[in-house]
Amino acid sequence: MGLPRQTAVLLQAAQQFVRELPADAVLLLTETNLDWDEVREHLGHCRLLVAAQDAQLTQQLKEEPELIVLDIDPGPTPTQELMSLALLEAVAQEYLMPGAHVVALYNGIEAVPGQAEQIDSLSIIHLGEHLERLSAQDLRRLDTQVPLETLRAVVDLATEIGQEGREGQPIGTMFVVGDHRKVLSMSRPLNFNPFRGYSDAERDVRDRRVREQIKDIAKLEGAIIIRRDGVAIAACMKIEASSEGITLSKGLGTRHWAGAAISKQTKAIAVVVSQSSGSVRIFQNGQVMLQIEPMFRPMIWRHFQMEASDDDGLSHNPVVSAT
């Protein structure tokens, strides 16, 4: 069966953009299987990357010869976040360079909720604005400890907290993701655990509704601990990992020292939101791997840059998208 007229026209437009911008690849985020011979015919020699919006379709696409399929875990995720997740996976697998330009094709308007629909939208994405100088090796190193879909969900949540605060007030918080048993052994509760008694689905940060609820919990003192599969297991936890041998920039407060310490002492990744600036820092092995600046637009992934001041208002504890 041939392609719908609108899909064919968008593919032809994508080919023109790749040629004239120029762009490095076409990312096709599809909800249905397509006539891939016709897709290639419209795209010509353009590099094509494909991501599906459900696991069953992903397996079908993998049977297509010479089709580059990005294996992502869609989950209950909006289209824009799925696109960003697919781009992260493409960089991690070295299908794209971090500074690439990509033409994205996808279904941007949901006419019938829950029903697979055809492609109706085209976007130009400049990966340099999302992944500035972030190498595939960096992504792989993070991915060895925490799956990209979990890390992405937590970082999205942290970035939104940094941008929005809560009830008009800036807040700082910390998420510790992965190696949860060891992390719990190096922590103690400061208050009741708000996640106790809820099912895994009700605590899965990959679900946007859950992330919205966690924004209220983030106002409470202490770290939020999340399993590598994305399930939040504890909040209001004081991290008591030793900060010996850790060096951080001047102005970073106790929350950042605690994040660095727990990431050095365990295989966990710490994601820290600064109360004063809204910046998000990702720690692994006691070091800042990535800094994300608060913006009034989809997040921008940037290298760590020193700030003049970043006081969290905490006393020091020595044992502590696409645009």
C-alpha atoms as a PDB file:
ATOM      1  CA  MET A   1       0.000   0.000   0.000  1.00  0.00           C
ATOM      2  CA  GLY A   2       1.367   3.404  -0.993  1.00  0.00           C
ATOM      3  CA  LEU A   3       2.147   6.301   1.315  1.00  0.00           C
ATOM      4  CA  PRO A   4      -0.521   8.902   2.132  1.00  0.00           C
ATOM      5  CA  ARG A   5      -0.189  12.016  -0.001  1.00  0.00           C
ATOM      6  CA  GLN A   6       0.789  14.234   2.952  1.00  0.00           C
ATOM      7  CA  THR A   7       3.530  11.820   4.007  1.00  0.00           C
ATOM      8  CA  ALA A   8       4.983  11.734   0.484  1.00  0.00           C
ATOM      9  CA  VAL A   9       4.993  15.540   0.285  1.00  0.00           C
ATOM     10  CA  LEU A  10       6.689  15.859   3.678  1.00  0.00           C
ATOM     11  CA  LEU A  11       9.344  13.315   2.664  1.00  0.00           C
ATOM     12  CA  GLN A  12      10.054  15.296  -0.485  1.00  0.00           C
ATOM     13  CA  ALA A  13      10.315  18.477   1.598  1.00  0.00           C
ATOM     14  CA  ALA A  14      12.699  16.704   3.975  1.00  0.00           C
ATOM     15  CA  GLN A  15      14.936  15.713   1.065  1.00  0.00           C
ATOM     16  CA  GLN A  16      15.038  19.325  -0.096  1.00  0.00           C
ATOM     17  CA  PHE A  17      15.928  20.568   3.401  1.00  0.00           C
ATOM     18  CA  VAL A  18      18.726  17.999   3.719  1.00  0.00           C
ATOM     19  CA  ARG A  19      20.160  19.117   0.403  1.00  0.00           C
ATOM     20  CA  GLU A  20      19.827  22.889   0.822  1.00  0.00           C
ATOM     21  CA  LEU A  21      20.450  23.518   4.551  1.00  0.00           C
ATOM     22  CA  PRO A  22      22.360  21.164   4.492  1.00  0.00           C
ATOM     23  CA  ALA A  23      21.260  18.647   7.130  1.00  0.00           C
ATOM     24  CA  ASP A  24      22.932  15.408   8.190  1.00  0.00           C
ATOM     25  CA  ALA A  25      19.963  13.064   8.450  1.00  0.00           C
ATOM     26  CA  VAL A  26      16.215  12.598   8.504  1.00  0.00           C
ATOM     27  CA  LEU A  27      14.649  11.301  11.721  1.00  0.00           C
ATOM     28  CA  LEU A  28      11.283   9.653  11.126  1.00  0.00           C
ATOM     29  CA  LEU A  29       9.236   9.067  14.283  1.00  0.00           C
ATOM     30  CA  THR A  30       6.430   6.801  13.168  1.00  0.00           C
ATOM     31  CA  GLU A  31       3.302   5.335  14.731  1.00  0.00           C
ATOM     32  CA  THR A  32       2.678   2.942  11.810  1.00  0.00           C
ATOM     33  CA  ASN A  33       4.637   0.677   9.501  1.00  0.00           C
ATOM     34  CA  LEU A  34       5.275   2.254   6.101  1.00  0.00           C
ATOM     35  CA  ASP A  35       6.205   1.326   2.563  1.00  0.00           C
ATOM     36  CA  TRP A  36       9.935   1.742   3.147  1.00  0.00           C
ATOM     37  CA  ASP A  37      10.878   1.351  -0.523  1.00  0.00           C
ATOM     38  CA  GLU A  38       8.682   4.340  -1.318  1.00  0.00           C
ATOM     39  CA  VAL A  39      10.059   6.237   1.691  1.00  0.00           C
ATOM     40  CA  ARG A  40      13.615   5.747   0.379  1.00  0.00           C
ATOM     41  CA  GLU A  41      12.501   6.733  -3.107  1.00  0.00           C
ATOM     42  CA  HIS A  42      11.223  10.096  -1.851  1.00  0.00           C
ATOM     43  CA  LEU A  43      14.281  10.697   0.348  1.00  0.00           C
ATOM     44  CA  GLY A  44      16.864   9.719  -2.247  1.00  0.00           C
ATOM     45  CA  HIS A  45      20.314   9.393  -0.695  1.00  0.00           C
ATOM     46  CA  CYS A  46      19.392  11.095   2.609  1.00  0.00           C
ATOM     47  CA  ARG A  47      20.530   9.290   5.742  1.00  0.00           C
ATOM     48  CA  LEU A  48      17.361   7.925   7.398  1.00  0.00           C
ATOM     49  CA  LEU A  49      16.922   7.126  11.099  1.00  0.00           C
ATOM     50  CA  VAL A  50      13.650   5.595  12.278  1.00  0.00           C
ATOM     51  CA  ALA A  51      12.103   5.394  15.742  1.00  0.00           C
ATOM     52  CA  ALA A  52       8.765   3.771  16.551  1.00  0.00           C
ATOM     53  CA  GLN A  53       6.265   4.815  19.166  1.00  0.00           C
ATOM     54  CA  ASP A  54       5.672   1.313  20.501  1.00  0.00           C
ATOM     55  CA  ALA A  55       7.867  -1.720  21.181  1.00  0.00           C
ATOM     56  CA  GLN A  56       5.970  -4.093  18.857  1.00  0.00           C
ATOM     57  CA  LEU A  57       6.409  -1.752  15.893  1.00  0.00           C
ATOM     58  CA  THR A  58      10.098  -1.383  16.730  1.00  0.00           C
ATOM     59  CA  GLN A  59      10.560  -5.145  16.358  1.00  0.00           C
ATOM     60  CA  GLN A  60       8.779  -5.083  12.981  1.00  0.00           C
ATOM     61  CA  LEU A  61      11.007  -2.265  11.756  1.00  0.00           C
ATOM     62  CA  LYS A  62      14.148  -4.169  12.751  1.00  0.00           C
ATOM     63  CA  GLU A  63      13.197  -6.801  10.172  1.00  0.00           C
ATOM     64  CA  GLU A  64      13.448  -4.226   7.389  1.00  0.00           C
ATOM     65  CA  PRO A  65      16.788  -4.582   5.539  1.00  0.00           C
ATOM     66  CA  GLU A  66      19.220  -1.651   5.785  1.00  0.00           C
ATOM     67  CA  LEU A  67      16.853   0.385   7.973  1.00  0.00           C
ATOM     68  CA  ILE A  68      18.552   2.150  10.913  1.00  0.00           C
ATOM     69  CA  VAL A  69      16.124   1.670  13.809  1.00  0.00           C
ATOM     70  CA  LEU A  70      16.622   3.567  17.070  1.00  0.00           C
ATOM     71  CA  ASP A  71      15.614   1.232  19.879  1.00  0.00           C
ATOM     72  CA  ILE A  72      13.923   3.427  22.480  1.00  0.00           C
ATOM     73  CA  ASP A  73      11.448   2.635  25.239  1.00  0.00           C
ATOM     74  CA  PRO A  74       8.520   4.930  24.408  1.00  0.00           C
ATOM     75  CA  GLY A  75       6.470   4.478  27.581  1.00  0.00           C
ATOM     76  CA  PRO A  76       3.788   7.074  28.346  1.00  0.00           C
ATOM     77  CA  THR A  77       5.828   9.873  26.758  1.00  0.00           C
ATOM     78  CA  PRO A  78       4.774  12.908  24.663  1.00  0.00           C
ATOM     79  CA  THR A  79       5.980  13.119  21.067  1.00  0.00           C
ATOM     80  CA  GLN A  80       8.517  15.898  21.684  1.00  0.00           C
ATOM     81  CA  GLU A  81      10.155  13.906  24.480  1.00  0.00           C
ATOM     82  CA  LEU A  82      10.208  10.760  22.330  1.00  0.00           C
ATOM     83  CA  MET A  83      11.964  12.731  19.631  1.00  0.00           C
ATOM     84  CA  SER A  84      14.592  13.969  22.062  1.00  0.00           C
ATOM     85  CA  LEU A  85      15.051  10.437  23.401  1.00  0.00           C
ATOM     86  CA  ALA A  86      15.547   9.150  19.841  1.00  0.00           C
ATOM     87  CA  LEU A  87      18.134  11.855  19.150  1.00  0.00           C
ATOM     88  CA  LEU A  88      20.027  10.979  22.327  1.00  0.00           C
ATOM     89  CA  GLU A  89      20.058   7.333  21.283  1.00  0.00           C
ATOM     90  CA  ALA A  90      21.291   8.278  17.795  1.00  0.00           C
ATOM     91  CA  VAL A  91      24.212  10.202  19.282  1.00  0.00           C
ATOM     92  CA  ALA A  92      24.942   7.425  21.785  1.00  0.00           C
ATOM     93  CA  GLN A  93      25.107   4.885  18.939  1.00  0.00           C
ATOM     94  CA  GLU A  94      27.223   7.297  16.845  1.00  0.00           C
ATOM     95  CA  TYR A  95      24.651   7.518  14.052  1.00  0.00           C
ATOM     96  CA  LEU A  96      24.797  11.301  14.548  1.00  0.00           C
ATOM     97  CA  MET A  97      27.448  13.693  15.744  1.00  0.00           C
ATOM     98  CA  PRO A  98      26.460  15.969  18.668  1.00  0.00           C
ATOM     99  CA  GLY A  99      26.496  19.042  16.407  1.00  0.00           C
ATOM    100  CA  ALA A 100      24.400  17.556  13.592  1.00  0.00           C
ATOM    101  CA  HIS A 101      21.399  19.159  11.921  1.00  0.00           C
ATOM    102  CA  VAL A 102      18.403  16.861  11.620  1.00  0.00           C
ATOM    103  CA  VAL A 103      15.117  17.054   9.725  1.00  0.00           C
ATOM    104  CA  ALA A 104      12.462  15.381  11.888  1.00  0.00           C
ATOM    105  CA  LEU A 105       9.182  13.975  10.585  1.00  0.00           C
ATOM    106  CA  TYR A 106       6.449  12.934  13.014  1.00  0.00           C
ATOM    107  CA  ASN A 107       2.771  13.094  13.915  1.00  0.00           C
ATOM    108  CA  GLY A 108       2.383  16.340  15.835  1.00  0.00           C
ATOM    109  CA  ILE A 109      -1.418  16.527  16.086  1.00  0.00           C
ATOM    110  CA  GLU A 110      -3.347  13.732  17.801  1.00  0.00           C
ATOM    111  CA  ALA A 111      -6.728  13.618  16.065  1.00  0.00           C
ATOM    112  CA  VAL A 112      -8.005  10.433  17.735  1.00  0.00           C
ATOM    113  CA  PRO A 113      -6.475   9.686  21.181  1.00  0.00           C
ATOM    114  CA  GLY A 114      -4.832   6.264  21.367  1.00  0.00           C
ATOM    115  CA  GLN A 115      -5.040   5.624  17.630  1.00  0.00           C
ATOM    116  CA  ALA A 116      -1.955   5.317  15.409  1.00  0.00           C
ATOM    117  CA  GLU A 117      -1.830   8.169  12.897  1.00  0.00           C
ATOM    118  CA  GLN A 118       0.188   9.270   9.895  1.00  0.00           C
ATOM    119  CA  ILE A 119       3.016  11.794   9.761  1.00  0.00           C
ATOM    120  CA  ASP A 120       1.833  15.393   9.554  1.00  0.00           C
ATOM    121  CA  SER A 121       4.699  17.560  10.839  1.00  0.00           C
ATOM    122  CA  LEU A 122       8.264  18.536   9.982  1.00  0.00           C
ATOM    123  CA  SER A 123      10.844  20.221  12.244  1.00  0.00           C
ATOM    124  CA  ILE A 124      14.460  21.299  11.830  1.00  0.00           C
ATOM    125  CA  ILE A 125      16.550  20.382  14.868  1.00  0.00           C
ATOM    126  CA  HIS A 126      20.028  21.708  15.587  1.00  0.00           C
ATOM    127  CA  LEU A 127      21.575  19.162  17.911  1.00  0.00           C
ATOM    128  CA  GLY A 128      24.300  21.602  18.915  1.00  0.00           C
ATOM    129  CA  GLU A 129      21.680  23.435  20.967  1.00  0.00           C
ATOM    130  CA  HIS A 130      20.783  20.231  22.822  1.00  0.00           C
ATOM    131  CA  LEU A 131      24.018  18.305  23.019  1.00  0.00           C
ATOM    132  CA  GLU A 132      26.750  20.916  22.725  1.00  0.00           C
ATOM    133  CA  ARG A 133      30.071  19.066  22.523  1.00  0.00           C
ATOM    134  CA  LEU A 134      28.643  16.087  24.415  1.00  0.00           C
ATOM    135  CA  SER A 135      30.367  12.998  23.003  1.00  0.00           C
ATOM    136  CA  ALA A 136      28.919   9.550  22.382  1.00  0.00           C
ATOM    137  CA  GLN A 137      31.399   8.239  24.932  1.00  0.00           C
ATOM    138  CA  ASP A 138      29.916  10.553  27.581  1.00  0.00           C
ATOM    139  CA  LEU A 139      26.424   9.281  26.856  1.00  0.00           C
ATOM    140  CA  ARG A 140      27.564   5.665  26.884  1.00  0.00           C
ATOM    141  CA  ARG A 141      29.360   6.147  30.187  1.00  0.00           C
ATOM    142  CA  LEU A 142      26.174   7.500  31.755  1.00  0.00           C
ATOM    143  CA  ASP A 143      24.111   4.784  30.100  1.00  0.00           C
ATOM    144  CA  THR A 144      26.209   2.023  31.682  1.00  0.00           C
ATOM    145  CA  GLN A 145      24.725   2.953  35.057  1.00  0.00           C
ATOM    146  CA  VAL A 146      21.242   4.250  34.219  1.00  0.00           C
ATOM    147  CA  PRO A 147      19.189   3.554  31.059  1.00  0.00           C
ATOM    148  CA  LEU A 148      18.857   6.618  28.855  1.00  0.00           C
ATOM    149  CA  GLU A 149      15.060   6.674  29.106  1.00  0.00           C
ATOM    150  CA  THR A 150      15.244   6.845  32.910  1.00  0.00           C
ATOM    151  CA  LEU A 151      18.030   9.409  32.900  1.00  0.00           C
ATOM    152  CA  ARG A 152      16.193  11.532  30.368  1.00  0.00           C
ATOM    153  CA  ALA A 153      12.976  11.494  32.424  1.00  0.00           C
ATOM    154  CA  VAL A 154      14.799  12.523  35.599  1.00  0.00           C
ATOM    155  CA  VAL A 155      16.772  15.252  33.831  1.00  0.00           C
ATOM    156  CA  ASP A 156      13.585  16.582  32.219  1.00  0.00           C
ATOM    157  CA  LEU A 157      11.958  16.683  35.654  1.00  0.00           C
ATOM    158  CA  ALA A 158      14.961  18.424  37.222  1.00  0.00           C
ATOM    159  CA  THR A 159      15.123  20.954  34.382  1.00  0.00           C
ATOM    160  CA  GLU A 160      11.445  21.811  34.747  1.00  0.00           C
ATOM    161  CA  ILE A 161      11.916  22.295  38.482  1.00  0.00           C
ATOM    162  CA  GLY A 162      14.872  24.571  37.789  1.00  0.00           C
ATOM    163  CA  GLN A 163      12.844  26.590  35.285  1.00  0.00           C
ATOM    164  CA  GLU A 164       9.520  26.769  37.109  1.00  0.00           C
ATOM    165  CA  GLY A 165      10.246  26.422  40.814  1.00  0.00           C
ATOM    166  CA  ARG A 166       7.074  25.661  42.714  1.00  0.00           C
ATOM    167  CA  GLU A 167       4.220  27.992  43.613  1.00  0.00           C
ATOM    168  CA  GLY A 168       6.245  30.945  42.385  1.00  0.00           C
ATOM    169  CA  GLN A 169       9.271  30.165  44.541  1.00  0.00           C
ATOM    170  CA  PRO A 170      12.638  28.737  43.389  1.00  0.00           C
ATOM    171  CA  ILE A 171      13.484  25.364  44.874  1.00  0.00           C
ATOM    172  CA  GLY A 172      16.561  23.178  44.919  1.00  0.00           C
ATOM    173  CA  THR A 173      16.544  19.417  45.075  1.00  0.00           C
ATOM    174  CA  MET A 174      18.559  16.303  44.307  1.00  0.00           C
ATOM    175  CA  PHE A 175      17.698  13.030  42.553  1.00  0.00           C
ATOM    176  CA  VAL A 176      19.918   9.976  42.998  1.00  0.00           C
ATOM    177  CA  VAL A 177      19.321   7.430  40.235  1.00  0.00           C
ATOM    178  CA  GLY A 178      20.489   3.811  40.149  1.00  0.00           C
ATOM    179  CA  ASP A 179      22.391   1.513  42.558  1.00  0.00           C
ATOM    180  CA  HIS A 180      19.563   2.219  45.004  1.00  0.00           C
ATOM    181  CA  ARG A 181      20.421  -0.444  47.577  1.00  0.00           C
ATOM    182  CA  LYS A 182      23.880   0.955  48.181  1.00  0.00           C
ATOM    183  CA  VAL A 183      22.547   4.517  48.078  1.00  0.00           C
ATOM    184  CA  LEU A 184      19.972   3.655  50.754  1.00  0.00           C
ATOM    185  CA  SER A 185      22.702   2.135  52.906  1.00  0.00           C
ATOM    186  CA  MET A 186      24.496   5.507  52.824  1.00  0.00           C
ATOM    187  CA  SER A 187      21.394   7.582  53.571  1.00  0.00           C
ATOM    188  CA  ARG A 188      18.974   8.171  56.417  1.00  0.00           C
ATOM    189  CA  PRO A 189      15.399   9.476  56.413  1.00  0.00           C
ATOM    190  CA  LEU A 190      14.664  13.032  57.491  1.00  0.00           C
ATOM    191  CA  ASN A 191      10.891  12.539  57.337  1.00  0.00           C
ATOM    192  CA  PHE A 192       8.195  10.054  56.347  1.00  0.00           C
ATOM    193  CA  ASN A 193       8.634   8.439  52.924  1.00  0.00           C
ATOM    194  CA  PRO A 194       5.898   9.888  50.633  1.00  0.00           C
ATOM    195  CA  PHE A 195       6.317   7.032  48.109  1.00  0.00           C
ATOM    196  CA  ARG A 196       5.549   4.263  50.597  1.00  0.00           C
ATOM    197  CA  GLY A 197       2.447   2.202  49.762  1.00  0.00           C
ATOM    198  CA  TYR A 198       2.151   3.162  46.090  1.00  0.00           C
ATOM    199  CA  SER A 199       2.481   0.773  43.135  1.00  0.00           C
ATOM    200  CA  ASP A 200       5.460   0.894  40.775  1.00  0.00           C
ATOM    201  CA  ALA A 201       3.300   2.459  38.058  1.00  0.00           C
ATOM    202  CA  GLU A 202       2.266   5.251  40.418  1.00  0.00           C
ATOM    203  CA  ARG A 203       5.946   6.020  41.126  1.00  0.00           C
ATOM    204  CA  ASP A 204       7.416   5.708  37.601  1.00  0.00           C
ATOM    205  CA  VAL A 205       9.109   8.985  36.654  1.00  0.00           C
ATOM    206  CA  ARG A 206       8.848   8.129  32.966  1.00  0.00           C
ATOM    207  CA  ASP A 207       5.147   8.977  33.314  1.00  0.00           C
ATOM    208  CA  ARG A 208       4.627  12.743  33.004  1.00  0.00           C
ATOM    209  CA  ARG A 209       1.770  12.643  35.530  1.00  0.00           C
ATOM    210  CA  VAL A 210       4.093  11.114  38.103  1.00  0.00           C
ATOM    211  CA  ARG A 211       6.726  13.761  37.411  1.00  0.00           C
ATOM    212  CA  GLU A 212       4.162  16.479  38.069  1.00  0.00           C
ATOM    213  CA  GLN A 213       3.394  14.947  41.472  1.00  0.00           C
ATOM    214  CA  ILE A 214       7.082  14.639  42.325  1.00  0.00           C
ATOM    215  CA  LYS A 215       7.512  18.391  41.799  1.00  0.00           C
ATOM    216  CA  ASP A 216       5.558  18.913  45.026  1.00  0.00           C
ATOM    217  CA  ILE A 217       7.655  16.321  46.856  1.00  0.00           C
ATOM    218  CA  ALA A 218      10.827  18.060  45.629  1.00  0.00           C
ATOM    219  CA  LYS A 219      10.010  21.001  47.918  1.00  0.00           C
ATOM    220  CA  LEU A 220      10.752  18.789  50.925  1.00  0.00           C
ATOM    221  CA  GLU A 221      14.237  18.649  52.394  1.00  0.00           C
ATOM    222  CA  GLY A 222      16.476  15.769  51.336  1.00  0.00           C
ATOM    223  CA  ALA A 223      17.218  13.687  48.253  1.00  0.00           C
ATOM    224  CA  ILE A 224      14.796  11.670  46.125  1.00  0.00           C
ATOM    225  CA  ILE A 225      16.100   8.181  45.343  1.00  0.00           C
ATOM    226  CA  ILE A 226      15.083   6.474  42.092  1.00  0.00           C
ATOM    227  CA  ARG A 227      15.746   2.954  40.831  1.00  0.00           C
ATOM    228  CA  ARG A 228      17.447   2.507  37.468  1.00  0.00           C
ATOM    229  CA  ASP A 229      14.078   1.440  36.006  1.00  0.00           C
ATOM    230  CA  GLY A 230      12.609   4.845  36.834  1.00  0.00           C
ATOM    231  CA  VAL A 231      10.613   3.937  39.948  1.00  0.00           C
ATOM    232  CA  ALA A 232      10.970   6.421  42.827  1.00  0.00           C
ATOM    233  CA  ILE A 233      11.493   4.556  46.076  1.00  0.00           C
ATOM    234  CA  ALA A 234      12.286   7.167  48.730  1.00  0.00           C
ATOM    235  CA  ALA A 235      12.318  10.904  49.384  1.00  0.00           C
ATOM    236  CA  CYS A 236      13.427  13.174  52.231  1.00  0.00           C
ATOM    237  CA  MET A 237      16.709  11.245  52.452  1.00  0.00           C
ATOM    238  CA  LYS A 238      19.906  12.735  53.860  1.00  0.00           C
ATOM    239  CA  ILE A 239      22.958  11.540  51.974  1.00  0.00           C
ATOM    240  CA  GLU A 240      25.820  10.535  54.277  1.00  0.00           C
ATOM    241  CA  ALA A 241      28.545   9.607  51.799  1.00  0.00           C
ATOM    242  CA  SER A 242      32.088  10.829  52.388  1.00  0.00           C
ATOM    243  CA  SER A 243      33.187  13.761  50.242  1.00  0.00           C
ATOM    244  CA  GLU A 244      36.877  12.985  50.722  1.00  0.00           C
ATOM    245  CA  GLY A 245      38.898  13.426  47.550  1.00  0.00           C
ATOM    246  CA  ILE A 246      36.204  15.456  45.771  1.00  0.00           C
ATOM    247  CA  THR A 247      36.932  18.861  44.258  1.00  0.00           C
ATOM    248  CA  LEU A 248      34.150  21.198  43.167  1.00  0.00           C
ATOM    249  CA  SER A 249      34.050  24.781  41.971  1.00  0.00           C
ATOM    250  CA  LYS A 250      33.701  27.597  44.470  1.00  0.00           C
ATOM    251  CA  GLY A 251      30.164  28.571  45.360  1.00  0.00           C
ATOM    252  CA  LEU A 252      28.624  25.102  45.074  1.00  0.00           C
ATOM    253  CA  GLY A 253      26.728  24.254  48.237  1.00  0.00           C
ATOM    254  CA  THR A 254      26.175  21.138  50.300  1.00  0.00           C
ATOM    255  CA  ARG A 255      23.573  19.673  47.966  1.00  0.00           C
ATOM    256  CA  HIS A 256      26.156  19.567  45.179  1.00  0.00           C
ATOM    257  CA  TRP A 257      28.811  18.120  47.472  1.00  0.00           C
ATOM    258  CA  ALA A 258      26.365  15.408  48.517  1.00  0.00           C
ATOM    259  CA  GLY A 259      25.559  14.646  44.881  1.00  0.00           C
ATOM    260  CA  ALA A 260      29.237  14.406  44.000  1.00  0.00           C
ATOM    261  CA  ALA A 261      29.941  12.233  47.047  1.00  0.00           C
ATOM    262  CA  ILE A 262      27.170   9.685  46.500  1.00  0.00           C
ATOM    263  CA  SER A 263      28.039   9.394  42.794  1.00  0.00           C
ATOM    264  CA  LYS A 264      31.663   8.698  43.728  1.00  0.00           C
ATOM    265  CA  GLN A 265      30.885   6.136  46.428  1.00  0.00           C
ATOM    266  CA  THR A 266      28.260   4.246  44.382  1.00  0.00           C
ATOM    267  CA  LYS A 267      27.339   3.526  40.765  1.00  0.00           C
ATOM    268  CA  ALA A 268      24.456   5.979  41.006  1.00  0.00           C
ATOM    269  CA  ILE A 269      24.079   9.192  39.038  1.00  0.00           C
ATOM    270  CA  ALA A 270      23.097  12.319  40.975  1.00  0.00           C
ATOM    271  CA  VAL A 271      21.045  15.080  39.354  1.00  0.00           C
ATOM    272  CA  VAL A 272      21.142  18.296  41.382  1.00  0.00           C
ATOM    273  CA  VAL A 273      18.970  21.393  40.921  1.00  0.00           C
ATOM    274  CA  SER A 274      20.433  24.646  42.239  1.00  0.00           C
ATOM    275  CA  GLN A 275      17.941  26.713  44.194  1.00  0.00           C
ATOM    276  CA  SER A 276      19.715  29.989  43.466  1.00  0.00           C
ATOM    277  CA  SER A 277      20.173  29.655  39.700  1.00  0.00           C
ATOM    278  CA  GLY A 278      17.935  26.794  38.556  1.00  0.00           C
ATOM    279  CA  SER A 279      20.939  25.124  36.895  1.00  0.00           C
ATOM    280  CA  VAL A 280      20.938  21.330  36.764  1.00  0.00           C
ATOM    281  CA  ARG A 281      24.172  19.391  37.188  1.00  0.00           C
ATOM    282  CA  ILE A 282      24.631  15.691  36.533  1.00  0.00           C
ATOM    283  CA  PHE A 283      27.261  13.972  38.682  1.00  0.00           C
ATOM    284  CA  GLN A 284      28.997  10.674  38.031  1.00  0.00           C
ATOM    285  CA  ASN A 285      32.083   9.299  39.762  1.00  0.00           C
ATOM    286  CA  GLY A 286      32.260  12.457  41.874  1.00  0.00           C
ATOM    287  CA  GLN A 287      32.471  14.811  38.888  1.00  0.00           C
ATOM    288  CA  VAL A 288      30.126  17.126  37.030  1.00  0.00           C
ATOM    289  CA  MET A 289      29.475  15.379  33.710  1.00  0.00           C
ATOM    290  CA  LEU A 290      26.956  17.843  32.355  1.00  0.00           C
ATOM    291  CA  GLN A 291      25.306  21.158  33.214  1.00  0.00           C
ATOM    292  CA  ILE A 292      21.912  22.297  31.938  1.00  0.00           C
ATOM    293  CA  GLU A 293      20.972  25.951  32.131  1.00  0.00           C
ATOM    294  CA  PRO A 294      17.399  27.035  32.934  1.00  0.00           C
ATOM    295  CA  MET A 295      15.683  28.428  29.847  1.00  0.00           C
ATOM    296  CA  PHE A 296      12.178  29.510  28.856  1.00  0.00           C
ATOM    297  CA  ARG A 297      12.278  26.913  26.064  1.00  0.00           C
ATOM    298  CA  PRO A 298      13.194  23.216  25.737  1.00  0.00           C
ATOM    299  CA  MET A 299      16.326  22.392  27.653  1.00  0.00           C
ATOM    300  CA  ILE A 300      19.811  23.049  26.345  1.00  0.00           C
ATOM    301  CA  TRP A 301      22.525  20.543  27.231  1.00  0.00           C
ATOM    302  CA  ARG A 302      25.792  22.307  27.925  1.00  0.00           C
ATOM    303  CA  HIS A 303      29.256  21.650  29.284  1.00  0.00           C
ATOM    304  CA  PHE A 304      29.901  22.578  32.871  1.00  0.00           C
ATOM    305  CA  GLN A 305      30.731  26.248  33.328  1.00  0.00           C
ATOM    306  CA  MET A 306      31.819  27.857  36.602  1.00  0.00           C
ATOM    307  CA  GLU A 307      29.308  30.210  38.176  1.00  0.00           C
ATOM    308  CA  ALA A 308      30.205  33.108  40.424  1.00  0.00           C
ATOM    309  CA  SER A 309      27.801  31.995  43.145  1.00  0.00           C
ATOM    310  CA  ASP A 310      25.540  29.016  43.661  1.00  0.00           C
ATOM    311  CA  ASP A 311      24.655  28.940  47.333  1.00  0.00           C
ATOM    312  CA  ASP A 312      22.011  26.336  48.084  1.00  0.00           C
ATOM    313  CA  GLY A 313      21.271  27.712  51.501  1.00  0.00           C
ATOM    314  CA  LEU A 314      22.446  24.467  53.119  1.00  0.00           C
ATOM    315  CA  SER A 315      25.180  24.003  55.711  1.00  0.00           C
ATOM    316  CA  HIS A 316      28.176  21.899  54.599  1.00  0.00           C
ATOM    317  CA  ASN A 317      28.203  18.291  55.688  1.00  0.00           C
ATOM    318  CA  PRO A 318      31.670  16.698  55.366  1.00  0.00           C
ATOM    319  CA  VAL A 319      30.107  13.263  54.998  1.00  0.00           C
ATOM    320  CA  VAL A 320      27.894  14.193  52.866  1.00  0.00           C
ATOM    321  CA  SER A 321      13.732  20.161  22.705  1.00  0.00           C
ATOM    322  CA  ALA A 322      13.812  20.325  20.369  1.00  0.00           C
ATOM    323  CA  THR A 323      14.358  23.922  19.697  1.00  0.00           C
END
